[in-house]
Structure formats: structure tokens, C-alpha cells
Amino acid sequence: MIRKRKYNIVPNLLNLDFTAAMHNQERSVTISDFWIRERWLQVTVILDLFSHRSTA
């Protein structure tokens, strides 16, 4: 049985190459949800792949 996907799959534009030649050229984003005190808290981290520092 083949199941249809509920969500669109985004193409892998970086092709697993996480190196960048200069600042603000490539970024990685992670989003996490936490259930805290009867409400959802969403935490987003944006990582610059050149300096490996959080930008937001």
C-alpha cells in the first residue's frame, strides 16, 4: 500500500554540503516546539554556516 504524503518535500539545495565561502551565504534553521504551562512555546534558531554562530 502506497501512502500519499501530507506535506510537500523541499528539495535538498545544499546537497548535504554545509560549507560556505562567506558570511550570510548559507543558513540552517531548526524549529522546536515545547509544551510549557498549558501553552506552546516555539523556539527557532538560525545558524550561519560560515561562522557557525546563531544569527537569530
Protein backbone atom coordinates (compact mmCIF):
# COMPACT_ATOMS: atom_id res chain seq x y z
CA MET A 1 0.00 0.00 0.00
CA ILE A 2 1.42 3.38 -1.03
CA ARG A 3 0.54 6.32 1.20
CA LYS A 4 0.27 9.85 -0.07
CA ARG A 5 2.36 12.43 1.76
CA LYS A 6 0.52 15.10 3.68
CA TYR A 7 3.31 17.64 3.25
CA ASN A 8 5.44 18.88 0.39
CA ILE A 9 9.04 17.72 0.49
CA VAL A 10 11.52 20.56 -0.01
CA PRO A 11 14.42 19.75 -2.36
CA ASN A 12 17.88 19.44 -0.79
CA LEU A 13 19.51 22.53 -2.28
CA LEU A 14 22.70 22.20 -0.22
CA ASN A 15 23.12 18.54 -1.14
CA LEU A 16 24.49 17.94 2.40
CA ASP A 17 27.37 20.39 1.79
CA PHE A 18 27.32 22.62 4.87
CA THR A 19 30.30 24.81 3.98
CA ALA A 20 30.02 28.44 2.94
CA ALA A 21 32.60 30.76 1.35
CA MET A 22 31.37 33.95 3.05
CA HIS A 23 29.03 35.28 5.74
CA ASN A 24 25.25 35.21 5.18
CA GLN A 25 25.57 32.97 2.13
CA GLU A 26 24.02 29.79 3.54
CA ARG A 27 21.99 29.23 6.69
CA SER A 28 20.45 26.35 8.55
CA VAL A 29 17.20 26.66 10.53
CA THR A 30 15.77 24.49 13.28
CA ILE A 31 12.37 24.93 14.90
CA SER A 32 11.36 23.23 18.17
CA ASP A 33 8.02 23.29 19.97
CA PHE A 34 7.70 22.88 23.73
CA TRP A 35 4.53 22.50 25.80
CA ILE A 36 5.06 24.79 28.81
CA ARG A 37 2.43 25.85 31.34
CA GLU A 38 -0.58 24.97 29.20
CA ARG A 39 0.66 26.71 26.05
CA TRP A 40 3.09 26.06 23.21
CA LEU A 41 6.46 27.79 23.08
CA GLN A 42 8.20 27.81 19.72
CA VAL A 43 11.99 28.26 19.60
CA THR A 44 13.73 28.99 16.30
CA VAL A 45 17.49 29.03 15.76
CA ILE A 46 19.10 30.33 12.56
CA LEU A 47 22.72 29.24 12.12
CA ASP A 48 25.15 30.92 9.73
CA LEU A 49 27.07 28.04 8.13
CA PHE A 50 30.20 30.12 7.58
CA SER A 51 30.82 31.31 11.15
CA HIS A 52 28.75 28.55 12.83
CA ARG A 53 27.13 31.19 15.02
CA SER A 54 23.49 31.75 15.76
CA THR A 55 22.16 34.76 13.85
CA ALA A 56 18.65 34.93 15.35
